[in-house]
């Protein structure tokens, strides 16, 4: 089992706020597989910076509205 990352995200909530966009639709629009979107949403995989920007752009929000980073003390960055 893959270790969870410190990067959390709001992808699922943002997909539903955008007319219930499916994981497959998001994957097609950002150029990855649906399995990659699932892994990112579940925190099992951190996307590349380029993919992160693509996700934010497709969802129509800023990068920090999609992704958050938690440091060693548990504080969001």
PDB file of N, CA and C in Angstrom:
ATOM      1  N   UNK A   1       0.844  -1.188   0.000  1.00  0.00           N
ATOM      2  CA  UNK A   1       0.000   0.000   0.000  1.00  0.00           C
ATOM      3  C   UNK A   1       0.884   1.245   0.000  1.00  0.00           C
ATOM      4  N   UNK A   2       0.534   2.217  -0.831  1.00  0.00           N
ATOM      5  CA  UNK A   2       1.313   3.442  -0.951  1.00  0.00           C
ATOM      6  C   UNK A   2       1.105   4.340   0.265  1.00  0.00           C
ATOM      7  N   UNK A   3       2.179   5.000   0.656  1.00  0.00           N
ATOM      8  CA  UNK A   3       2.104   5.928   1.781  1.00  0.00           C
ATOM      9  C   UNK A   3       1.380   7.196   1.356  1.00  0.00           C
ATOM     10  N   UNK A   4       0.473   7.687   2.199  1.00  0.00           N
ATOM     11  CA  UNK A   4      -0.245   8.924   1.905  1.00  0.00           C
ATOM     12  C   UNK A   4       0.738  10.097   1.887  1.00  0.00           C
ATOM     13  N   UNK A   5       0.453  11.071   1.056  1.00  0.00           N
ATOM     14  CA  UNK A   5       1.315  12.246   0.967  1.00  0.00           C
ATOM     15  C   UNK A   5       0.853  13.303   1.969  1.00  0.00           C
ATOM     16  N   UNK A   6       1.654  14.318   2.141  1.00  0.00           N
ATOM     17  CA  UNK A   6       1.272  15.449   2.993  1.00  0.00           C
ATOM     18  C   UNK A   6       0.446  16.467   2.222  1.00  0.00           C
ATOM     19  N   UNK A   7       0.298  16.233   0.945  1.00  0.00           N
ATOM     20  CA  UNK A   7      -0.490  17.114   0.106  1.00  0.00           C
ATOM     21  C   UNK A   7      -1.947  16.650   0.151  1.00  0.00           C
ATOM     22  N   UNK A   8      -2.829  17.538   0.575  1.00  0.00           N
ATOM     23  CA  UNK A   8      -4.251  17.237   0.563  1.00  0.00           C
ATOM     24  C   UNK A   8      -4.889  18.054  -0.553  1.00  0.00           C
ATOM     25  N   UNK A   9      -6.127  17.697  -0.887  1.00  0.00           N
ATOM     26  CA  UNK A   9      -6.749  18.418  -1.989  1.00  0.00           C
ATOM     27  C   UNK A   9      -8.261  18.466  -1.835  1.00  0.00           C
ATOM     28  N   UNK A  10      -8.850  19.339  -2.613  1.00  0.00           N
ATOM     29  CA  UNK A  10     -10.303  19.536  -2.650  1.00  0.00           C
ATOM     30  C   UNK A  10     -10.866  19.172  -4.019  1.00  0.00           C
ATOM     31  N   UNK A  11     -10.196  18.284  -4.733  1.00  0.00           N
ATOM     32  CA  UNK A  11     -10.596  17.977  -6.104  1.00  0.00           C
ATOM     33  C   UNK A  11     -12.018  17.454  -6.170  1.00  0.00           C
ATOM     34  N   UNK A  12     -12.348  16.490  -5.321  1.00  0.00           N
ATOM     35  CA  UNK A  12     -13.687  15.901  -5.389  1.00  0.00           C
ATOM     36  C   UNK A  12     -14.769  16.963  -5.182  1.00  0.00           C
ATOM     37  N   UNK A  13     -14.605  17.772  -4.146  1.00  0.00           N
ATOM     38  CA  UNK A  13     -15.598  18.823  -3.862  1.00  0.00           C
ATOM     39  C   UNK A  13     -15.689  19.811  -5.022  1.00  0.00           C
ATOM     40  N   UNK A  14     -14.547  20.179  -5.587  1.00  0.00           N
ATOM     41  CA  UNK A  14     -14.541  21.129  -6.696  1.00  0.00           C
ATOM     42  C   UNK A  14     -15.141  20.522  -7.959  1.00  0.00           C
ATOM     43  N   UNK A  15     -14.921  19.236  -8.182  1.00  0.00           N
ATOM     44  CA  UNK A  15     -15.547  18.587  -9.340  1.00  0.00           C
ATOM     45  C   UNK A  15     -17.064  18.667  -9.235  1.00  0.00           C
ATOM     46  N   UNK A  16     -17.593  18.395  -8.040  1.00  0.00           N
ATOM     47  CA  UNK A  16     -19.040  18.422  -7.863  1.00  0.00           C
ATOM     48  C   UNK A  16     -19.587  19.842  -7.909  1.00  0.00           C
ATOM     49  N   UNK A  17     -18.800  20.808  -7.481  1.00  0.00           N
ATOM     50  CA  UNK A  17     -19.218  22.204  -7.557  1.00  0.00           C
ATOM     51  C   UNK A  17     -19.245  22.695  -9.007  1.00  0.00           C
ATOM     52  N   UNK A  18     -18.563  21.986  -9.884  1.00  0.00           N
ATOM     53  CA  UNK A  18     -18.503  22.350 -11.303  1.00  0.00           C
ATOM     54  C   UNK A  18     -19.438  21.465 -12.130  1.00  0.00           C
ATOM     55  N   UNK A  19     -20.636  21.227 -11.634  1.00  0.00           N
ATOM     56  CA  UNK A  19     -21.618  20.459 -12.403  1.00  0.00           C
ATOM     57  C   UNK A  19     -21.387  18.966 -12.375  1.00  0.00           C
ATOM     58  N   UNK A  20     -20.844  18.486 -11.278  1.00  0.00           N
ATOM     59  CA  UNK A  20     -20.604  17.047 -11.101  1.00  0.00           C
ATOM     60  C   UNK A  20     -19.730  16.459 -12.198  1.00  0.00           C
ATOM     61  N   UNK A  21     -18.623  17.128 -12.461  1.00  0.00           N
ATOM     62  CA  UNK A  21     -17.633  16.628 -13.408  1.00  0.00           C
ATOM     63  C   UNK A  21     -17.138  15.265 -12.928  1.00  0.00           C
ATOM     64  N   UNK A  22     -17.083  14.298 -13.820  1.00  0.00           N
ATOM     65  CA  UNK A  22     -16.619  12.969 -13.426  1.00  0.00           C
ATOM     66  C   UNK A  22     -15.097  12.923 -13.380  1.00  0.00           C
ATOM     67  N   UNK A  23     -14.583  11.895 -12.716  1.00  0.00           N
ATOM     68  CA  UNK A  23     -13.138  11.694 -12.696  1.00  0.00           C
ATOM     69  C   UNK A  23     -12.619  11.479 -14.112  1.00  0.00           C
ATOM     70  N   UNK A  24     -13.373  10.757 -14.925  1.00  0.00           N
ATOM     71  CA  UNK A  24     -12.961  10.501 -16.309  1.00  0.00           C
ATOM     72  C   UNK A  24     -12.904  11.791 -17.114  1.00  0.00           C
ATOM     73  N   UNK A  25     -13.885  12.680 -16.924  1.00  0.00           N
ATOM     74  CA  UNK A  25     -13.883  13.962 -17.639  1.00  0.00           C
ATOM     75  C   UNK A  25     -12.680  14.797 -17.235  1.00  0.00           C
ATOM     76  N   UNK A  26     -12.411  14.862 -15.930  1.00  0.00           N
ATOM     77  CA  UNK A  26     -11.245  15.623 -15.465  1.00  0.00           C
ATOM     78  C   UNK A  26      -9.966  15.019 -16.036  1.00  0.00           C
ATOM     79  N   UNK A  27      -9.857  13.705 -15.983  1.00  0.00           N
ATOM     80  CA  UNK A  27      -8.666  13.032 -16.509  1.00  0.00           C
ATOM     81  C   UNK A  27      -8.447  13.362 -17.984  1.00  0.00           C
ATOM     82  N   UNK A  28      -9.504  13.296 -18.777  1.00  0.00           N
ATOM     83  CA  UNK A  28      -9.401  13.614 -20.202  1.00  0.00           C
ATOM     84  C   UNK A  28      -8.934  15.048 -20.418  1.00  0.00           C
ATOM     85  N   UNK A  29      -9.455  15.955 -19.626  1.00  0.00           N
ATOM     86  CA  UNK A  29      -9.136  17.382 -19.812  1.00  0.00           C
ATOM     87  C   UNK A  29      -7.726  17.744 -19.373  1.00  0.00           C
ATOM     88  N   UNK A  30      -7.146  16.952 -18.445  1.00  0.00           N
ATOM     89  CA  UNK A  30      -5.788  17.274 -17.985  1.00  0.00           C
ATOM     90  C   UNK A  30      -4.737  16.328 -18.556  1.00  0.00           C
ATOM     91  N   UNK A  31      -5.180  15.315 -19.318  1.00  0.00           N
ATOM     92  CA  UNK A  31      -4.232  14.440 -20.001  1.00  0.00           C
ATOM     93  C   UNK A  31      -3.637  13.333 -19.162  1.00  0.00           C
ATOM     94  N   UNK A  32      -4.395  12.807 -18.202  1.00  0.00           N
ATOM     95  CA  UNK A  32      -3.947  11.666 -17.395  1.00  0.00           C
ATOM     96  C   UNK A  32      -5.044  10.600 -17.412  1.00  0.00           C
ATOM     97  N   UNK A  33      -4.784   9.483 -16.770  1.00  0.00           N
ATOM     98  CA  UNK A  33      -5.798   8.436 -16.688  1.00  0.00           C
ATOM     99  C   UNK A  33      -6.743   8.695 -15.512  1.00  0.00           C
ATOM    100  N   UNK A  34      -7.901   8.060 -15.558  1.00  0.00           N
ATOM    101  CA  UNK A  34      -8.852   8.161 -14.448  1.00  0.00           C
ATOM    102  C   UNK A  34      -8.216   7.614 -13.168  1.00  0.00           C
ATOM    103  N   UNK A  35      -7.417   6.563 -13.288  1.00  0.00           N
ATOM    104  CA  UNK A  35      -6.756   5.983 -12.119  1.00  0.00           C
ATOM    105  C   UNK A  35      -5.817   6.991 -11.456  1.00  0.00           C
ATOM    106  N   UNK A  36      -5.180   7.831 -12.261  1.00  0.00           N
ATOM    107  CA  UNK A  36      -4.312   8.873 -11.704  1.00  0.00           C
ATOM    108  C   UNK A  36      -5.132   9.890 -10.928  1.00  0.00           C
ATOM    109  N   UNK A  37      -6.265  10.304 -11.472  1.00  0.00           N
ATOM    110  CA  UNK A  37      -7.140  11.251 -10.763  1.00  0.00           C
ATOM    111  C   UNK A  37      -7.604  10.638  -9.447  1.00  0.00           C
ATOM    112  N   UNK A  38      -7.987   9.366  -9.460  1.00  0.00           N
ATOM    113  CA  UNK A  38      -8.423   8.686  -8.235  1.00  0.00           C
ATOM    114  C   UNK A  38      -7.307   8.717  -7.198  1.00  0.00           C
ATOM    115  N   UNK A  39      -6.088   8.368  -7.606  1.00  0.00           N
ATOM    116  CA  UNK A  39      -4.950   8.340  -6.678  1.00  0.00           C
ATOM    117  C   UNK A  39      -4.653   9.729  -6.112  1.00  0.00           C
ATOM    118  N   UNK A  40      -4.739  10.760  -6.935  1.00  0.00           N
ATOM    119  CA  UNK A  40      -4.508  12.125  -6.462  1.00  0.00           C
ATOM    120  C   UNK A  40      -5.590  12.516  -5.466  1.00  0.00           C
ATOM    121  N   UNK A  41      -6.855  12.278  -5.813  1.00  0.00           N
ATOM    122  CA  UNK A  41      -7.962  12.631  -4.918  1.00  0.00           C
ATOM    123  C   UNK A  41      -7.832  11.947  -3.562  1.00  0.00           C
ATOM    124  N   UNK A  42      -7.392  10.701  -3.562  1.00  0.00           N
ATOM    125  CA  UNK A  42      -7.285   9.932  -2.329  1.00  0.00           C
ATOM    126  C   UNK A  42      -6.002  10.212  -1.557  1.00  0.00           C
ATOM    127  N   UNK A  43      -5.144  11.075  -2.086  1.00  0.00           N
ATOM    128  CA  UNK A  43      -3.910  11.424  -1.392  1.00  0.00           C
ATOM    129  C   UNK A  43      -2.849  10.349  -1.449  1.00  0.00           C
ATOM    130  N   UNK A  44      -2.970   9.426  -2.400  1.00  0.00           N
ATOM    131  CA  UNK A  44      -1.977   8.373  -2.555  1.00  0.00           C
ATOM    132  C   UNK A  44      -0.886   8.767  -3.537  1.00  0.00           C
ATOM    133  N   UNK A  45      -1.069   9.888  -4.220  1.00  0.00           N
ATOM    134  CA  UNK A  45      -0.126  10.320  -5.246  1.00  0.00           C
ATOM    135  C   UNK A  45      -0.143  11.839  -5.320  1.00  0.00           C
ATOM    136  N   UNK A  46       1.037  12.436  -5.342  1.00  0.00           N
ATOM    137  CA  UNK A  46       1.141  13.885  -5.538  1.00  0.00           C
ATOM    138  C   UNK A  46       1.402  14.151  -7.010  1.00  0.00           C
ATOM    139  N   UNK A  47       0.590  14.986  -7.629  1.00  0.00           N
ATOM    140  CA  UNK A  47       0.781  15.251  -9.057  1.00  0.00           C
ATOM    141  C   UNK A  47       2.015  16.106  -9.299  1.00  0.00           C
ATOM    142  N   UNK A  48       2.491  16.065 -10.536  1.00  0.00           N
ATOM    143  CA  UNK A  48       3.566  16.980 -10.922  1.00  0.00           C
ATOM    144  C   UNK A  48       3.023  18.399 -10.836  1.00  0.00           C
ATOM    145  N   UNK A  49       3.902  19.353 -10.796  1.00  0.00           N
ATOM    146  CA  UNK A  49       3.483  20.747 -10.735  1.00  0.00           C
ATOM    147  C   UNK A  49       2.654  21.112 -11.961  1.00  0.00           C
ATOM    148  N   UNK A  50       3.066  20.635 -13.117  1.00  0.00           N
ATOM    149  CA  UNK A  50       2.327  20.912 -14.346  1.00  0.00           C
ATOM    150  C   UNK A  50       0.909  20.344 -14.283  1.00  0.00           C
ATOM    151  N   UNK A  51       0.770  19.110 -13.795  1.00  0.00           N
ATOM    152  CA  UNK A  51      -0.556  18.494 -13.668  1.00  0.00           C
ATOM    153  C   UNK A  51      -1.397  19.230 -12.636  1.00  0.00           C
ATOM    154  N   UNK A  52      -0.783  19.656 -11.550  1.00  0.00           N
ATOM    155  CA  UNK A  52      -1.506  20.412 -10.529  1.00  0.00           C
ATOM    156  C   UNK A  52      -2.069  21.707 -11.114  1.00  0.00           C
ATOM    157  N   UNK A  53      -1.270  22.412 -11.910  1.00  0.00           N
ATOM    158  CA  UNK A  53      -1.752  23.636 -12.547  1.00  0.00           C
ATOM    159  C   UNK A  53      -2.877  23.341 -13.537  1.00  0.00           C
ATOM    160  N   UNK A  54      -2.758  22.247 -14.261  1.00  0.00           N
ATOM    161  CA  UNK A  54      -3.821  21.872 -15.200  1.00  0.00           C
ATOM    162  C   UNK A  54      -5.129  21.595 -14.453  1.00  0.00           C
ATOM    163  N   UNK A  55      -5.038  20.884 -13.342  1.00  0.00           N
ATOM    164  CA  UNK A  55      -6.234  20.586 -12.542  1.00  0.00           C
ATOM    165  C   UNK A  55      -6.891  21.883 -12.090  1.00  0.00           C
ATOM    166  N   UNK A  56      -6.101  22.786 -11.530  1.00  0.00           N
ATOM    167  CA  UNK A  56      -6.638  24.057 -11.049  1.00  0.00           C
ATOM    168  C   UNK A  56      -7.288  24.842 -12.184  1.00  0.00           C
ATOM    169  N   UNK A  57      -6.642  24.876 -13.322  1.00  0.00           N
ATOM    170  CA  UNK A  57      -7.181  25.619 -14.462  1.00  0.00           C
ATOM    171  C   UNK A  57      -8.506  25.026 -14.930  1.00  0.00           C
ATOM    172  N   UNK A  58      -8.583  23.707 -15.055  1.00  0.00           N
ATOM    173  CA  UNK A  58      -9.817  23.057 -15.494  1.00  0.00           C
ATOM    174  C   UNK A  58     -10.941  23.302 -14.490  1.00  0.00           C
ATOM    175  N   UNK A  59     -10.600  23.306 -13.206  1.00  0.00           N
ATOM    176  CA  UNK A  59     -11.606  23.529 -12.167  1.00  0.00           C
ATOM    177  C   UNK A  59     -11.929  25.015 -11.975  1.00  0.00           C
ATOM    178  N   UNK A  60     -11.161  25.885 -12.616  1.00  0.00           N
ATOM    179  CA  UNK A  60     -11.443  27.317 -12.587  1.00  0.00           C
ATOM    180  C   UNK A  60     -11.117  28.006 -11.278  1.00  0.00           C
ATOM    181  N   UNK A  61     -10.099  27.477 -10.576  1.00  0.00           N
ATOM    182  CA  UNK A  61      -9.701  28.060  -9.295  1.00  0.00           C
ATOM    183  C   UNK A  61      -8.181  28.161  -9.232  1.00  0.00           C
ATOM    184  N   UNK A  62      -7.686  28.817  -8.196  1.00  0.00           N
ATOM    185  CA  UNK A  62      -6.251  28.918  -7.991  1.00  0.00           C
ATOM    186  C   UNK A  62      -5.672  27.621  -7.441  1.00  0.00           C
ATOM    187  N   UNK A  63      -4.389  27.450  -7.604  1.00  0.00           N
ATOM    188  CA  UNK A  63      -3.702  26.251  -7.155  1.00  0.00           C
ATOM    189  C   UNK A  63      -3.925  25.983  -5.669  1.00  0.00           C
ATOM    190  N   UNK A  64      -3.861  27.034  -4.850  1.00  0.00           N
ATOM    191  CA  UNK A  64      -4.031  26.862  -3.407  1.00  0.00           C
ATOM    192  C   UNK A  64      -5.476  26.572  -3.010  1.00  0.00           C
ATOM    193  N   UNK A  65      -6.417  26.792  -3.918  1.00  0.00           N
ATOM    194  CA  UNK A  65      -7.801  26.401  -3.652  1.00  0.00           C
ATOM    195  C   UNK A  65      -7.986  24.898  -3.855  1.00  0.00           C
ATOM    196  N   UNK A  66      -7.081  24.290  -4.607  1.00  0.00           N
ATOM    197  CA  UNK A  66      -7.163  22.855  -4.883  1.00  0.00           C
ATOM    198  C   UNK A  66      -6.278  22.065  -3.927  1.00  0.00           C
ATOM    199  N   UNK A  67      -5.033  22.493  -3.761  1.00  0.00           N
ATOM    200  CA  UNK A  67      -4.043  21.724  -2.995  1.00  0.00           C
ATOM    201  C   UNK A  67      -3.576  22.469  -1.753  1.00  0.00           C
ATOM    202  N   UNK A  68      -3.359  21.703  -0.678  1.00  0.00           N
ATOM    203  CA  UNK A  68      -2.792  22.227   0.542  1.00  0.00           C
ATOM    204  C   UNK A  68      -1.657  21.292   0.966  1.00  0.00           C
ATOM    205  N   UNK A  69      -0.673  21.844   1.663  1.00  0.00           N
ATOM    206  CA  UNK A  69       0.452  21.051   2.155  1.00  0.00           C
ATOM    207  C   UNK A  69       0.501  21.165   3.662  1.00  0.00           C
ATOM    208  N   UNK A  70       0.600  20.033   4.336  1.00  0.00           N
ATOM    209  CA  UNK A  70       0.695  20.004   5.793  1.00  0.00           C
ATOM    210  C   UNK A  70       2.129  19.698   6.182  1.00  0.00           C
ATOM    211  N   UNK A  71       2.720  20.548   7.029  1.00  0.00           N
ATOM    212  CA  UNK A  71       4.102  20.322   7.443  1.00  0.00           C
ATOM    213  C   UNK A  71       4.175  19.288   8.576  1.00  0.00           C
ATOM    214  N   UNK A  72       5.368  19.078   9.116  1.00  0.00           N
ATOM    215  CA  UNK A  72       5.583  18.068  10.172  1.00  0.00           C
ATOM    216  C   UNK A  72       4.777  18.334  11.426  1.00  0.00           C
ATOM    217  N   UNK A  73       4.449  19.598  11.689  1.00  0.00           N
ATOM    218  CA  UNK A  73       3.680  19.943  12.892  1.00  0.00           C
ATOM    219  C   UNK A  73       2.181  19.880  12.647  1.00  0.00           C
ATOM    220  N   UNK A  74       1.779  19.508  11.450  1.00  0.00           N
ATOM    221  CA  UNK A  74       0.362  19.396  11.138  1.00  0.00           C
ATOM    222  C   UNK A  74      -0.287  20.697  10.707  1.00  0.00           C
ATOM    223  N   UNK A  75       0.524  21.721  10.454  1.00  0.00           N
ATOM    224  CA  UNK A  75      -0.008  23.006  10.036  1.00  0.00           C
ATOM    225  C   UNK A  75      -0.078  23.082   8.522  1.00  0.00           C
ATOM    226  N   UNK A  76      -1.217  23.530   8.028  1.00  0.00           N
ATOM    227  CA  UNK A  76      -1.380  23.687   6.583  1.00  0.00           C
ATOM    228  C   UNK A  76      -0.531  24.839   6.099  1.00  0.00           C
ATOM    229  N   UNK A  77       0.088  24.661   4.962  1.00  0.00           N
ATOM    230  CA  UNK A  77       0.931  25.697   4.361  1.00  0.00           C
ATOM    231  C   UNK A  77       0.235  26.276   3.162  1.00  0.00           C
TER     232      UNK A  77
END
